[in-house]
């Protein structure tokens, strides 16, 4: 059994419920098919992730509107109403985070794909973000998961040994990238599942 001394948390989808549906389901009058088309073709995941890697939100929005002028209002809403997309904390995972920190057995840090322009909003809204031993925000580093650079930055900045760490993320792509660098991964689905997965690393809550 490997000795684990560090837990690395993703934030969105693991500890924080961020979802653009909170804005755009109303925009498209509940028509999920039309909404999904918009996400697949206009304000895409790849486009949003570019801002997670440090690209300016205003510039990205302006360029997108130039490409799709007929969607100007909807495109401007993506970051204009970003706070509405920021849902509540995922309470079950926050409880797990608190138990890990209170145990004083682990270094607990966060590695998140997040725009540097919007992350201060989350810091203000969620007290638990101040519990971590450190947070690496992709937008502040001009790179993002799943690129190897951001994992190396995390390991080096917080003095983490890959083999002695566990990384929790809801995106399997990001887990696979971490595994390739020797970091142990847990693909997050739910707080209850996370508790069971942590037990496989002899982490009992």
N, C-alpha and C. Protein backbone atom coordinates (compact mmCIF):
# COMPACT_ATOMS: atom_id res chain seq x y z
N UNK A 1 0.83 -1.19 0.00
CA UNK A 1 0.00 0.00 0.00
C UNK A 1 0.87 1.25 0.00
N UNK A 2 0.65 2.16 -0.95
CA UNK A 2 1.42 3.39 -1.02
C UNK A 2 1.06 4.31 0.15
N UNK A 3 2.07 5.02 0.65
CA UNK A 3 1.83 5.99 1.69
C UNK A 3 1.42 7.31 1.04
N UNK A 4 0.23 7.75 1.33
CA UNK A 4 -0.28 9.00 0.76
C UNK A 4 -0.16 10.11 1.80
N UNK A 5 0.48 11.20 1.40
CA UNK A 5 0.59 12.33 2.33
C UNK A 5 -0.01 13.62 1.78
N UNK A 6 -0.50 13.58 0.54
CA UNK A 6 -1.06 14.78 -0.08
C UNK A 6 -2.32 14.45 -0.87
N UNK A 7 -3.35 15.27 -0.69
CA UNK A 7 -4.58 15.15 -1.46
C UNK A 7 -4.73 16.41 -2.30
N UNK A 8 -4.96 16.22 -3.61
CA UNK A 8 -5.12 17.34 -4.54
C UNK A 8 -6.55 17.32 -5.07
N UNK A 9 -7.28 18.38 -4.81
CA UNK A 9 -8.68 18.48 -5.23
C UNK A 9 -8.82 19.37 -6.47
N UNK A 10 -9.59 18.91 -7.45
CA UNK A 10 -10.18 19.80 -8.43
C UNK A 10 -11.29 20.56 -7.71
N UNK A 11 -11.76 21.67 -8.29
CA UNK A 11 -12.82 22.45 -7.64
C UNK A 11 -14.16 22.31 -8.35
N UNK A 12 -14.28 22.82 -9.59
CA UNK A 12 -15.54 22.76 -10.31
C UNK A 12 -15.95 21.34 -10.63
N UNK A 13 -17.15 20.97 -10.19
CA UNK A 13 -17.65 19.61 -10.41
C UNK A 13 -17.30 18.64 -9.30
N UNK A 14 -16.41 19.06 -8.40
CA UNK A 14 -16.02 18.23 -7.26
C UNK A 14 -16.44 18.89 -5.95
N UNK A 15 -16.08 20.15 -5.78
CA UNK A 15 -16.45 20.89 -4.57
C UNK A 15 -17.45 22.01 -4.86
N UNK A 16 -17.50 22.45 -6.11
CA UNK A 16 -18.36 23.56 -6.50
C UNK A 16 -19.19 23.16 -7.71
N UNK A 17 -20.47 23.43 -7.62
CA UNK A 17 -21.40 23.10 -8.71
C UNK A 17 -21.47 24.26 -9.69
N UNK A 18 -20.59 24.25 -10.70
CA UNK A 18 -20.61 25.26 -11.75
C UNK A 18 -21.27 24.66 -12.99
N UNK A 19 -22.25 25.35 -13.55
CA UNK A 19 -22.96 24.78 -14.69
C UNK A 19 -23.59 25.91 -15.52
N UNK A 20 -23.17 26.06 -16.80
CA UNK A 20 -23.76 27.09 -17.65
C UNK A 20 -25.25 26.89 -17.92
N UNK A 21 -25.77 25.71 -17.64
CA UNK A 21 -27.21 25.48 -17.80
C UNK A 21 -28.03 26.43 -16.92
N UNK A 22 -27.46 26.86 -15.81
CA UNK A 22 -28.19 27.73 -14.90
C UNK A 22 -28.57 29.05 -15.57
N UNK A 23 -27.85 29.43 -16.60
CA UNK A 23 -28.18 30.61 -17.39
C UNK A 23 -28.92 30.24 -18.66
N UNK A 24 -28.38 29.27 -19.39
CA UNK A 24 -28.82 29.07 -20.77
C UNK A 24 -30.06 28.19 -20.92
N UNK A 25 -30.42 27.46 -19.90
CA UNK A 25 -31.67 26.70 -20.02
C UNK A 25 -32.86 27.65 -20.13
N UNK A 26 -32.79 28.77 -19.41
CA UNK A 26 -33.83 29.79 -19.53
C UNK A 26 -33.74 30.51 -20.87
N UNK A 27 -32.52 30.78 -21.31
CA UNK A 27 -32.32 31.48 -22.58
C UNK A 27 -32.99 30.71 -23.72
N UNK A 28 -32.88 29.39 -23.67
CA UNK A 28 -33.44 28.55 -24.73
C UNK A 28 -34.80 27.96 -24.35
N UNK A 29 -35.44 28.60 -23.36
CA UNK A 29 -36.81 28.22 -22.97
C UNK A 29 -36.95 26.74 -22.66
N UNK A 30 -35.94 26.19 -21.99
CA UNK A 30 -36.00 24.80 -21.57
C UNK A 30 -35.69 23.79 -22.66
N UNK A 31 -35.34 24.26 -23.86
CA UNK A 31 -35.04 23.36 -24.97
C UNK A 31 -33.58 22.91 -24.87
N UNK A 32 -33.38 21.74 -24.28
CA UNK A 32 -32.03 21.25 -24.05
C UNK A 32 -31.29 20.95 -25.36
N UNK A 33 -32.01 20.56 -26.38
CA UNK A 33 -31.36 20.25 -27.66
C UNK A 33 -30.75 21.52 -28.27
N UNK A 34 -31.50 22.61 -28.24
CA UNK A 34 -30.97 23.88 -28.76
C UNK A 34 -29.83 24.39 -27.90
N UNK A 35 -29.98 24.25 -26.60
CA UNK A 35 -28.91 24.69 -25.69
C UNK A 35 -27.63 23.91 -25.95
N UNK A 36 -27.74 22.60 -26.11
CA UNK A 36 -26.56 21.78 -26.35
C UNK A 36 -25.90 22.13 -27.67
N UNK A 37 -26.73 22.44 -28.68
CA UNK A 37 -26.16 22.86 -29.96
C UNK A 37 -25.32 24.12 -29.77
N UNK A 38 -25.81 25.05 -28.97
CA UNK A 38 -25.09 26.29 -28.69
C UNK A 38 -23.75 25.99 -28.03
N UNK A 39 -23.75 25.07 -27.05
CA UNK A 39 -22.50 24.70 -26.37
C UNK A 39 -21.56 23.94 -27.30
N UNK A 40 -22.10 23.19 -28.22
CA UNK A 40 -21.27 22.39 -29.13
C UNK A 40 -20.68 23.21 -30.27
N UNK A 41 -21.33 24.34 -30.58
CA UNK A 41 -20.94 25.08 -31.77
C UNK A 41 -20.56 26.55 -31.56
N UNK A 42 -21.06 27.18 -30.51
CA UNK A 42 -20.81 28.60 -30.32
C UNK A 42 -19.91 28.82 -29.09
N UNK A 43 -20.45 28.74 -27.92
CA UNK A 43 -19.65 28.85 -26.69
C UNK A 43 -19.24 27.44 -26.25
N UNK A 44 -18.22 26.93 -26.90
CA UNK A 44 -17.82 25.53 -26.71
C UNK A 44 -16.93 25.35 -25.48
N UNK A 45 -16.77 24.11 -25.07
CA UNK A 45 -15.89 23.80 -23.95
C UNK A 45 -14.46 24.21 -24.25
N UNK A 46 -14.00 23.95 -25.48
CA UNK A 46 -12.64 24.32 -25.86
C UNK A 46 -12.44 25.83 -25.76
N UNK A 47 -13.45 26.58 -26.21
CA UNK A 47 -13.37 28.04 -26.15
C UNK A 47 -13.29 28.50 -24.70
N UNK A 48 -14.12 27.98 -23.85
CA UNK A 48 -14.10 28.37 -22.44
C UNK A 48 -12.79 27.98 -21.77
N UNK A 49 -12.26 26.81 -22.12
CA UNK A 49 -11.01 26.36 -21.51
C UNK A 49 -9.83 27.25 -21.90
N UNK A 50 -9.93 27.89 -23.06
CA UNK A 50 -8.87 28.82 -23.46
C UNK A 50 -8.79 29.97 -22.46
N UNK A 51 -9.93 30.42 -21.96
CA UNK A 51 -9.94 31.47 -20.94
C UNK A 51 -9.45 30.92 -19.60
N UNK A 52 -9.70 29.64 -19.34
CA UNK A 52 -9.16 29.02 -18.13
C UNK A 52 -7.63 29.03 -18.15
N UNK A 53 -7.06 29.09 -19.33
CA UNK A 53 -5.60 29.12 -19.47
C UNK A 53 -5.06 30.54 -19.53
N UNK A 54 -5.89 31.53 -19.21
CA UNK A 54 -5.40 32.89 -19.05
C UNK A 54 -5.78 33.87 -20.13
N UNK A 55 -6.56 33.44 -21.13
CA UNK A 55 -6.95 34.36 -22.20
C UNK A 55 -7.98 35.35 -21.67
N UNK A 56 -7.86 36.64 -21.99
CA UNK A 56 -8.78 37.64 -21.43
C UNK A 56 -10.24 37.41 -21.83
N UNK A 57 -11.14 37.51 -20.87
CA UNK A 57 -12.55 37.24 -21.12
C UNK A 57 -13.14 38.22 -22.12
N UNK A 58 -12.84 39.49 -21.97
CA UNK A 58 -13.41 40.50 -22.87
C UNK A 58 -12.95 40.29 -24.30
N UNK A 59 -11.68 39.97 -24.46
CA UNK A 59 -11.13 39.74 -25.80
C UNK A 59 -11.75 38.49 -26.42
N UNK A 60 -11.86 37.44 -25.62
CA UNK A 60 -12.46 36.20 -26.11
C UNK A 60 -13.90 36.41 -26.54
N UNK A 61 -14.63 37.18 -25.75
CA UNK A 61 -16.04 37.47 -26.07
C UNK A 61 -16.15 38.27 -27.36
N UNK A 62 -15.34 39.31 -27.49
CA UNK A 62 -15.37 40.15 -28.69
C UNK A 62 -15.06 39.34 -29.94
N UNK A 63 -14.07 38.48 -29.85
CA UNK A 63 -13.68 37.66 -31.00
C UNK A 63 -14.77 36.66 -31.36
N UNK A 64 -15.44 36.14 -30.35
CA UNK A 64 -16.50 35.16 -30.61
C UNK A 64 -17.69 35.84 -31.28
N UNK A 65 -18.01 37.03 -30.81
CA UNK A 65 -19.10 37.78 -31.43
C UNK A 65 -18.78 38.10 -32.89
N UNK A 66 -17.53 38.40 -33.17
CA UNK A 66 -17.13 38.69 -34.56
C UNK A 66 -17.32 37.46 -35.44
N UNK A 67 -17.11 36.28 -34.88
CA UNK A 67 -17.31 35.03 -35.63
C UNK A 67 -18.78 34.71 -35.82
N UNK A 68 -19.56 34.98 -34.78
CA UNK A 68 -20.98 34.60 -34.79
C UNK A 68 -21.83 35.81 -34.37
N UNK A 69 -21.89 36.86 -35.19
CA UNK A 69 -22.60 38.08 -34.79
C UNK A 69 -24.07 37.88 -34.49
N UNK A 70 -24.69 36.87 -35.11
CA UNK A 70 -26.11 36.62 -34.86
C UNK A 70 -26.35 36.08 -33.44
N UNK A 71 -25.29 35.65 -32.77
CA UNK A 71 -25.39 35.12 -31.41
C UNK A 71 -24.81 36.10 -30.38
N UNK A 72 -24.70 37.36 -30.76
CA UNK A 72 -24.04 38.36 -29.91
C UNK A 72 -24.58 38.37 -28.48
N UNK A 73 -25.88 38.46 -28.32
CA UNK A 73 -26.46 38.54 -26.97
C UNK A 73 -26.12 37.33 -26.13
N UNK A 74 -26.26 36.15 -26.73
CA UNK A 74 -26.02 34.90 -25.99
C UNK A 74 -24.53 34.76 -25.63
N UNK A 75 -23.66 35.11 -26.56
CA UNK A 75 -22.22 35.02 -26.30
C UNK A 75 -21.83 35.96 -25.16
N UNK A 76 -22.35 37.18 -25.18
CA UNK A 76 -22.01 38.14 -24.13
C UNK A 76 -22.56 37.72 -22.77
N UNK A 77 -23.61 36.91 -22.77
CA UNK A 77 -24.17 36.42 -21.51
C UNK A 77 -23.26 35.39 -20.84
N UNK A 78 -22.43 34.71 -21.63
CA UNK A 78 -21.64 33.61 -21.07
C UNK A 78 -20.77 34.09 -19.92
N UNK A 79 -20.03 35.15 -20.13
CA UNK A 79 -19.24 35.70 -19.01
C UNK A 79 -19.97 36.84 -18.32
N UNK A 80 -20.89 37.50 -19.02
CA UNK A 80 -21.65 38.58 -18.40
C UNK A 80 -22.51 38.09 -17.25
N UNK A 81 -23.00 36.83 -17.34
CA UNK A 81 -23.81 36.26 -16.27
C UNK A 81 -23.12 35.05 -15.63
N UNK A 82 -21.82 35.09 -15.64
CA UNK A 82 -21.02 33.96 -15.14
C UNK A 82 -21.37 33.60 -13.70
N UNK A 83 -21.61 34.63 -12.88
CA UNK A 83 -21.90 34.36 -11.45
C UNK A 83 -23.15 33.50 -11.28
N UNK A 84 -24.11 33.64 -12.20
CA UNK A 84 -25.33 32.82 -12.12
C UNK A 84 -25.03 31.36 -12.40
N UNK A 85 -23.98 31.10 -13.17
CA UNK A 85 -23.58 29.72 -13.45
C UNK A 85 -22.92 29.07 -12.24
N UNK A 86 -22.49 29.90 -11.30
CA UNK A 86 -21.79 29.41 -10.12
C UNK A 86 -22.83 29.00 -9.08
N UNK A 87 -23.04 27.70 -8.98
CA UNK A 87 -24.04 27.19 -8.06
C UNK A 87 -23.52 27.10 -6.64
N UNK A 88 -24.09 26.18 -5.88
CA UNK A 88 -23.70 26.02 -4.49
C UNK A 88 -22.51 25.09 -4.34
N UNK A 89 -22.00 25.04 -3.14
CA UNK A 89 -20.98 24.05 -2.81
C UNK A 89 -21.59 22.65 -2.88
N UNK A 90 -20.79 21.67 -3.24
CA UNK A 90 -21.21 20.26 -3.18
C UNK A 90 -20.91 19.81 -1.75
N UNK A 91 -21.93 19.88 -0.91
CA UNK A 91 -21.73 19.81 0.54
C UNK A 91 -21.08 18.51 0.99
N UNK A 92 -21.43 17.40 0.36
CA UNK A 92 -20.84 16.12 0.76
C UNK A 92 -19.33 16.10 0.57
N UNK A 93 -18.85 16.72 -0.51
CA UNK A 93 -17.41 16.76 -0.74
C UNK A 93 -16.74 17.76 0.19
N UNK A 94 -17.41 18.85 0.49
CA UNK A 94 -16.86 19.81 1.44
C UNK A 94 -16.69 19.15 2.81
N UNK A 95 -17.63 18.30 3.20
CA UNK A 95 -17.50 17.55 4.46
C UNK A 95 -16.27 16.65 4.45
N UNK A 96 -16.02 16.01 3.30
CA UNK A 96 -14.83 15.16 3.17
C UNK A 96 -13.57 16.01 3.28
N UNK A 97 -13.56 17.14 2.59
CA UNK A 97 -12.42 18.05 2.65
C UNK A 97 -12.12 18.45 4.09
N UNK A 98 -13.16 18.80 4.83
CA UNK A 98 -12.96 19.24 6.22
C UNK A 98 -12.38 18.12 7.07
N UNK A 99 -12.87 16.90 6.88
CA UNK A 99 -12.35 15.76 7.66
C UNK A 99 -10.89 15.50 7.35
N UNK A 100 -10.52 15.62 6.08
CA UNK A 100 -9.12 15.42 5.69
C UNK A 100 -8.23 16.48 6.32
N UNK A 101 -8.69 17.72 6.31
CA UNK A 101 -7.89 18.81 6.88
C UNK A 101 -7.82 18.68 8.40
N UNK A 102 -8.95 18.38 9.02
CA UNK A 102 -8.98 18.26 10.47
C UNK A 102 -8.14 17.11 10.99
N UNK A 103 -7.94 16.09 10.15
CA UNK A 103 -7.12 14.93 10.57
C UNK A 103 -5.65 15.29 10.74
N UNK A 104 -5.24 16.38 10.08
CA UNK A 104 -3.85 16.85 10.12
C UNK A 104 -2.85 15.79 9.65
N UNK A 105 -3.34 14.85 8.86
CA UNK A 105 -2.46 13.80 8.34
C UNK A 105 -1.97 14.09 6.92
N UNK A 106 -2.61 15.06 6.26
CA UNK A 106 -2.34 15.28 4.85
C UNK A 106 -2.14 16.75 4.51
N UNK A 107 -1.28 16.97 3.54
CA UNK A 107 -1.26 18.27 2.88
C UNK A 107 -2.43 18.26 1.90
N UNK A 108 -3.25 19.31 1.91
CA UNK A 108 -4.44 19.35 1.05
C UNK A 108 -4.38 20.62 0.19
N UNK A 109 -4.30 20.42 -1.12
CA UNK A 109 -4.19 21.55 -2.04
C UNK A 109 -5.24 21.39 -3.14
N UNK A 110 -5.40 22.44 -3.93
CA UNK A 110 -6.35 22.41 -5.04
C UNK A 110 -5.63 22.75 -6.34
N UNK A 111 -6.08 22.10 -7.40
CA UNK A 111 -5.60 22.36 -8.76
C UNK A 111 -6.82 22.53 -9.65
N UNK A 112 -7.04 23.74 -10.13
CA UNK A 112 -8.28 24.02 -10.82
C UNK A 112 -8.07 24.71 -12.16
N UNK A 113 -8.86 24.30 -13.15
CA UNK A 113 -8.98 25.05 -14.39
C UNK A 113 -10.00 26.16 -14.15
N UNK A 114 -9.52 27.41 -14.09
CA UNK A 114 -10.41 28.51 -13.72
C UNK A 114 -9.78 29.81 -14.21
N UNK A 115 -10.59 30.67 -14.78
CA UNK A 115 -10.11 31.98 -15.20
C UNK A 115 -9.65 32.80 -13.99
N UNK A 116 -8.50 33.44 -14.14
CA UNK A 116 -8.00 34.30 -13.07
C UNK A 116 -8.93 35.48 -12.83
N UNK A 117 -9.72 35.85 -13.83
CA UNK A 117 -10.63 37.00 -13.70
C UNK A 117 -11.87 36.67 -12.86
N UNK A 118 -12.30 35.44 -12.88
CA UNK A 118 -13.51 35.07 -12.14
C UNK A 118 -13.22 34.34 -10.83
N UNK A 119 -12.00 33.85 -10.66
CA UNK A 119 -11.72 33.08 -9.44
C UNK A 119 -11.92 33.89 -8.17
N UNK A 120 -11.61 35.19 -8.14
CA UNK A 120 -11.86 35.96 -6.91
C UNK A 120 -13.32 35.94 -6.47
N UNK A 121 -14.24 35.78 -7.41
CA UNK A 121 -15.67 35.69 -7.06
C UNK A 121 -15.91 34.43 -6.23
N UNK A 122 -15.30 33.33 -6.67
CA UNK A 122 -15.44 32.07 -5.94
C UNK A 122 -14.79 32.17 -4.56
N UNK A 123 -13.62 32.81 -4.49
CA UNK A 123 -12.93 32.96 -3.20
C UNK A 123 -13.79 33.71 -2.20
N UNK A 124 -14.53 34.68 -2.70
CA UNK A 124 -15.39 35.47 -1.82
C UNK A 124 -16.62 34.68 -1.39
N UNK A 125 -17.14 33.84 -2.29
CA UNK A 125 -18.39 33.13 -2.02
C UNK A 125 -18.21 31.91 -1.14
N UNK A 126 -17.08 31.19 -1.30
CA UNK A 126 -16.92 29.89 -0.63
C UNK A 126 -15.79 29.96 0.41
N UNK A 127 -16.18 29.91 1.68
CA UNK A 127 -15.19 29.98 2.76
C UNK A 127 -14.20 28.83 2.70
N UNK A 128 -14.65 27.66 2.27
CA UNK A 128 -13.77 26.48 2.32
C UNK A 128 -12.57 26.61 1.39
N UNK A 129 -12.64 27.52 0.42
CA UNK A 129 -11.48 27.72 -0.46
C UNK A 129 -10.29 28.28 0.30
N UNK A 130 -10.53 28.82 1.49
CA UNK A 130 -9.45 29.37 2.31
C UNK A 130 -8.86 28.31 3.26
N UNK A 131 -9.38 27.10 3.20
CA UNK A 131 -8.86 26.04 4.08
C UNK A 131 -7.62 25.36 3.49
N UNK A 132 -7.44 25.45 2.19
CA UNK A 132 -6.37 24.69 1.54
C UNK A 132 -4.98 25.18 1.94
N UNK A 133 -4.02 24.28 1.85
CA UNK A 133 -2.62 24.65 2.04
C UNK A 133 -2.10 25.45 0.85
N UNK A 134 -2.81 25.38 -0.25
CA UNK A 134 -2.47 26.15 -1.44
C UNK A 134 -3.42 25.82 -2.57
N UNK A 135 -3.60 26.77 -3.49
CA UNK A 135 -4.44 26.56 -4.66
C UNK A 135 -3.68 27.02 -5.89
N UNK A 136 -3.60 26.17 -6.90
CA UNK A 136 -3.01 26.55 -8.18
C UNK A 136 -4.14 26.76 -9.18
N UNK A 137 -4.27 27.99 -9.66
CA UNK A 137 -5.34 28.39 -10.57
C UNK A 137 -4.77 28.49 -11.98
N UNK A 138 -5.33 27.73 -12.89
CA UNK A 138 -4.77 27.66 -14.25
C UNK A 138 -4.64 29.02 -14.91
N UNK A 139 -5.66 29.87 -14.76
CA UNK A 139 -5.65 31.16 -15.41
C UNK A 139 -4.53 32.08 -14.94
N UNK A 140 -4.02 31.82 -13.74
CA UNK A 140 -2.89 32.60 -13.22
C UNK A 140 -1.56 32.09 -13.75
N UNK A 141 -1.57 30.88 -14.31
CA UNK A 141 -0.34 30.25 -14.77
C UNK A 141 -0.25 30.18 -16.30
N UNK A 142 -1.32 30.59 -16.97
CA UNK A 142 -1.37 30.56 -18.44
C UNK A 142 -1.17 29.16 -19.02
N UNK A 143 -1.69 28.19 -18.32
CA UNK A 143 -1.77 26.82 -18.81
C UNK A 143 -2.94 26.17 -18.09
N UNK A 144 -3.23 24.91 -18.40
CA UNK A 144 -4.38 24.26 -17.79
C UNK A 144 -4.23 22.75 -17.88
N UNK A 145 -5.07 22.06 -17.10
CA UNK A 145 -5.21 20.62 -17.27
C UNK A 145 -5.83 20.35 -18.64
N UNK A 146 -5.44 19.34 -19.36
CA UNK A 146 -4.60 18.20 -18.94
C UNK A 146 -3.13 18.32 -19.33
N UNK A 147 -2.63 19.54 -19.60
CA UNK A 147 -1.23 19.67 -20.03
C UNK A 147 -0.29 19.38 -18.87
N UNK A 148 0.78 18.66 -19.17
CA UNK A 148 1.70 18.21 -18.14
C UNK A 148 2.30 19.33 -17.32
N UNK A 149 2.48 20.48 -17.94
CA UNK A 149 3.12 21.62 -17.27
C UNK A 149 2.43 21.99 -15.97
N UNK A 150 1.09 21.95 -15.97
CA UNK A 150 0.38 22.41 -14.78
C UNK A 150 0.50 21.41 -13.62
N UNK A 151 0.63 20.14 -13.95
CA UNK A 151 0.85 19.13 -12.90
C UNK A 151 2.25 19.29 -12.31
N UNK A 152 3.25 19.50 -13.18
CA UNK A 152 4.61 19.71 -12.68
C UNK A 152 4.67 20.96 -11.80
N UNK A 153 3.98 22.02 -12.23
CA UNK A 153 3.93 23.24 -11.41
C UNK A 153 3.37 22.95 -10.02
N UNK A 154 2.30 22.17 -9.98
CA UNK A 154 1.65 21.85 -8.71
C UNK A 154 2.59 21.05 -7.81
N UNK A 155 3.21 20.04 -8.38
CA UNK A 155 4.12 19.20 -7.59
C UNK A 155 5.29 20.01 -7.04
N UNK A 156 5.84 20.86 -7.89
CA UNK A 156 7.02 21.63 -7.48
C UNK A 156 6.67 22.74 -6.49
N UNK A 157 5.56 23.44 -6.74
CA UNK A 157 5.21 24.58 -5.89
C UNK A 157 4.88 24.15 -4.47
N UNK A 158 4.22 23.01 -4.35
CA UNK A 158 3.78 22.57 -3.02
C UNK A 158 4.62 21.42 -2.48
N UNK A 159 5.76 21.17 -3.14
CA UNK A 159 6.71 20.14 -2.67
C UNK A 159 6.02 18.79 -2.47
N UNK A 160 5.37 18.33 -3.55
CA UNK A 160 4.61 17.08 -3.53
C UNK A 160 5.36 16.01 -4.32
N UNK A 161 5.41 14.82 -3.78
CA UNK A 161 5.93 13.67 -4.51
C UNK A 161 4.75 12.97 -5.19
N UNK A 162 4.83 12.84 -6.49
CA UNK A 162 3.69 12.32 -7.26
C UNK A 162 3.16 11.01 -6.70
N UNK A 163 4.03 10.07 -6.42
CA UNK A 163 3.62 8.73 -5.98
C UNK A 163 2.94 8.74 -4.62
N UNK A 164 3.12 9.82 -3.87
CA UNK A 164 2.53 9.91 -2.53
C UNK A 164 1.34 10.85 -2.50
N UNK A 165 0.79 11.13 -3.67
CA UNK A 165 -0.36 12.04 -3.74
C UNK A 165 -1.54 11.37 -4.42
N UNK A 166 -2.73 11.89 -4.12
CA UNK A 166 -3.97 11.46 -4.78
C UNK A 166 -4.63 12.71 -5.35
N UNK A 167 -5.00 12.64 -6.62
CA UNK A 167 -5.65 13.75 -7.32
C UNK A 167 -7.08 13.38 -7.62
N UNK A 168 -8.02 14.25 -7.22
CA UNK A 168 -9.46 14.00 -7.38
C UNK A 168 -10.01 14.99 -8.41
N UNK A 169 -10.60 14.47 -9.49
CA UNK A 169 -11.11 15.34 -10.56
C UNK A 169 -12.32 14.65 -11.19
N UNK A 170 -13.30 15.45 -11.65
CA UNK A 170 -14.48 14.87 -12.28
C UNK A 170 -14.28 14.62 -13.77
N UNK A 171 -13.14 15.04 -14.33
CA UNK A 171 -12.86 14.87 -15.74
C UNK A 171 -11.82 13.76 -15.92
N UNK A 172 -12.22 12.66 -16.54
CA UNK A 172 -11.33 11.51 -16.68
C UNK A 172 -10.08 11.86 -17.48
N UNK A 173 -10.23 12.77 -18.43
CA UNK A 173 -9.07 13.23 -19.21
C UNK A 173 -7.97 13.77 -18.29
N UNK A 174 -8.38 14.54 -17.29
CA UNK A 174 -7.42 15.13 -16.36
C UNK A 174 -6.81 14.08 -15.44
N UNK A 175 -7.60 13.08 -15.07
CA UNK A 175 -7.08 11.98 -14.25
C UNK A 175 -6.04 11.19 -15.03
N UNK A 176 -6.33 10.88 -16.28
CA UNK A 176 -5.39 10.11 -17.09
C UNK A 176 -4.07 10.85 -17.26
N UNK A 177 -4.13 12.17 -17.43
CA UNK A 177 -2.92 12.97 -17.56
C UNK A 177 -2.10 12.93 -16.28
N UNK A 178 -2.78 12.97 -15.14
CA UNK A 178 -2.08 12.89 -13.86
C UNK A 178 -1.44 11.52 -13.69
N UNK A 179 -2.19 10.48 -14.02
CA UNK A 179 -1.65 9.11 -13.92
C UNK A 179 -0.38 8.95 -14.74
N UNK A 180 -0.34 9.58 -15.90
CA UNK A 180 0.84 9.48 -16.77
C UNK A 180 2.09 10.07 -16.14
N UNK A 181 1.89 10.92 -15.14
CA UNK A 181 3.02 11.53 -14.43
C UNK A 181 3.27 10.87 -13.08
N UNK A 182 2.59 9.76 -12.83
CA UNK A 182 2.81 9.01 -11.60
C UNK A 182 1.96 9.47 -10.43
N UNK A 183 1.02 10.38 -10.69
CA UNK A 183 0.10 10.83 -9.64
C UNK A 183 -1.08 9.87 -9.57
N UNK A 184 -1.44 9.43 -8.40
CA UNK A 184 -2.60 8.56 -8.24
C UNK A 184 -3.88 9.36 -8.45
N UNK A 185 -4.83 8.78 -9.16
CA UNK A 185 -6.04 9.53 -9.49
C UNK A 185 -7.31 8.87 -9.01
N UNK A 186 -8.29 9.71 -8.68
CA UNK A 186 -9.65 9.26 -8.40
C UNK A 186 -10.59 10.05 -9.30
N UNK A 187 -11.35 9.34 -10.12
CA UNK A 187 -12.33 9.99 -11.00
C UNK A 187 -13.60 10.22 -10.19
N UNK A 188 -13.89 11.47 -9.90
CA UNK A 188 -14.99 11.81 -9.00
C UNK A 188 -16.34 11.66 -9.69
N UNK A 189 -17.26 10.97 -9.00
CA UNK A 189 -18.65 10.88 -9.44
C UNK A 189 -19.62 11.40 -8.38
N UNK A 190 -19.31 11.14 -7.12
CA UNK A 190 -20.18 11.56 -6.02
C UNK A 190 -19.39 11.52 -4.72
N UNK A 191 -19.84 12.25 -3.70
CA UNK A 191 -19.15 12.19 -2.41
C UNK A 191 -19.07 10.77 -1.84
N UNK A 192 -20.16 10.01 -1.93
CA UNK A 192 -20.14 8.64 -1.40
C UNK A 192 -19.13 7.77 -2.13
N UNK A 193 -19.07 7.91 -3.45
CA UNK A 193 -18.10 7.15 -4.23
C UNK A 193 -16.68 7.56 -3.84
N UNK A 194 -16.48 8.86 -3.59
CA UNK A 194 -15.14 9.35 -3.22
C UNK A 194 -14.69 8.73 -1.90
N UNK A 195 -15.58 8.64 -0.94
CA UNK A 195 -15.24 8.02 0.34
C UNK A 195 -14.74 6.59 0.13
N UNK A 196 -15.42 5.84 -0.74
CA UNK A 196 -15.03 4.45 -1.00
C UNK A 196 -13.70 4.39 -1.74
N UNK A 197 -13.50 5.29 -2.69
CA UNK A 197 -12.25 5.30 -3.45
C UNK A 197 -11.06 5.69 -2.58
N UNK A 198 -11.26 6.60 -1.65
CA UNK A 198 -10.18 6.98 -0.75
C UNK A 198 -9.73 5.80 0.10
N UNK A 199 -10.66 4.92 0.44
CA UNK A 199 -10.31 3.74 1.23
C UNK A 199 -9.30 2.85 0.53
N UNK A 200 -9.32 2.85 -0.81
CA UNK A 200 -8.36 2.03 -1.55
C UNK A 200 -6.93 2.53 -1.37
N UNK A 201 -6.79 3.77 -0.90
CA UNK A 201 -5.47 4.32 -0.59
C UNK A 201 -5.23 4.37 0.92
N UNK A 202 -6.04 3.60 1.65
CA UNK A 202 -5.94 3.51 3.11
C UNK A 202 -6.23 4.86 3.78
N UNK A 203 -7.12 5.61 3.15
CA UNK A 203 -7.58 6.88 3.73
C UNK A 203 -9.02 6.67 4.19
N UNK A 204 -9.19 6.56 5.47
CA UNK A 204 -10.51 6.26 6.04
C UNK A 204 -11.03 7.47 6.79
N UNK A 205 -12.24 7.88 6.48
CA UNK A 205 -12.84 9.07 7.08
C UNK A 205 -13.85 8.70 8.17
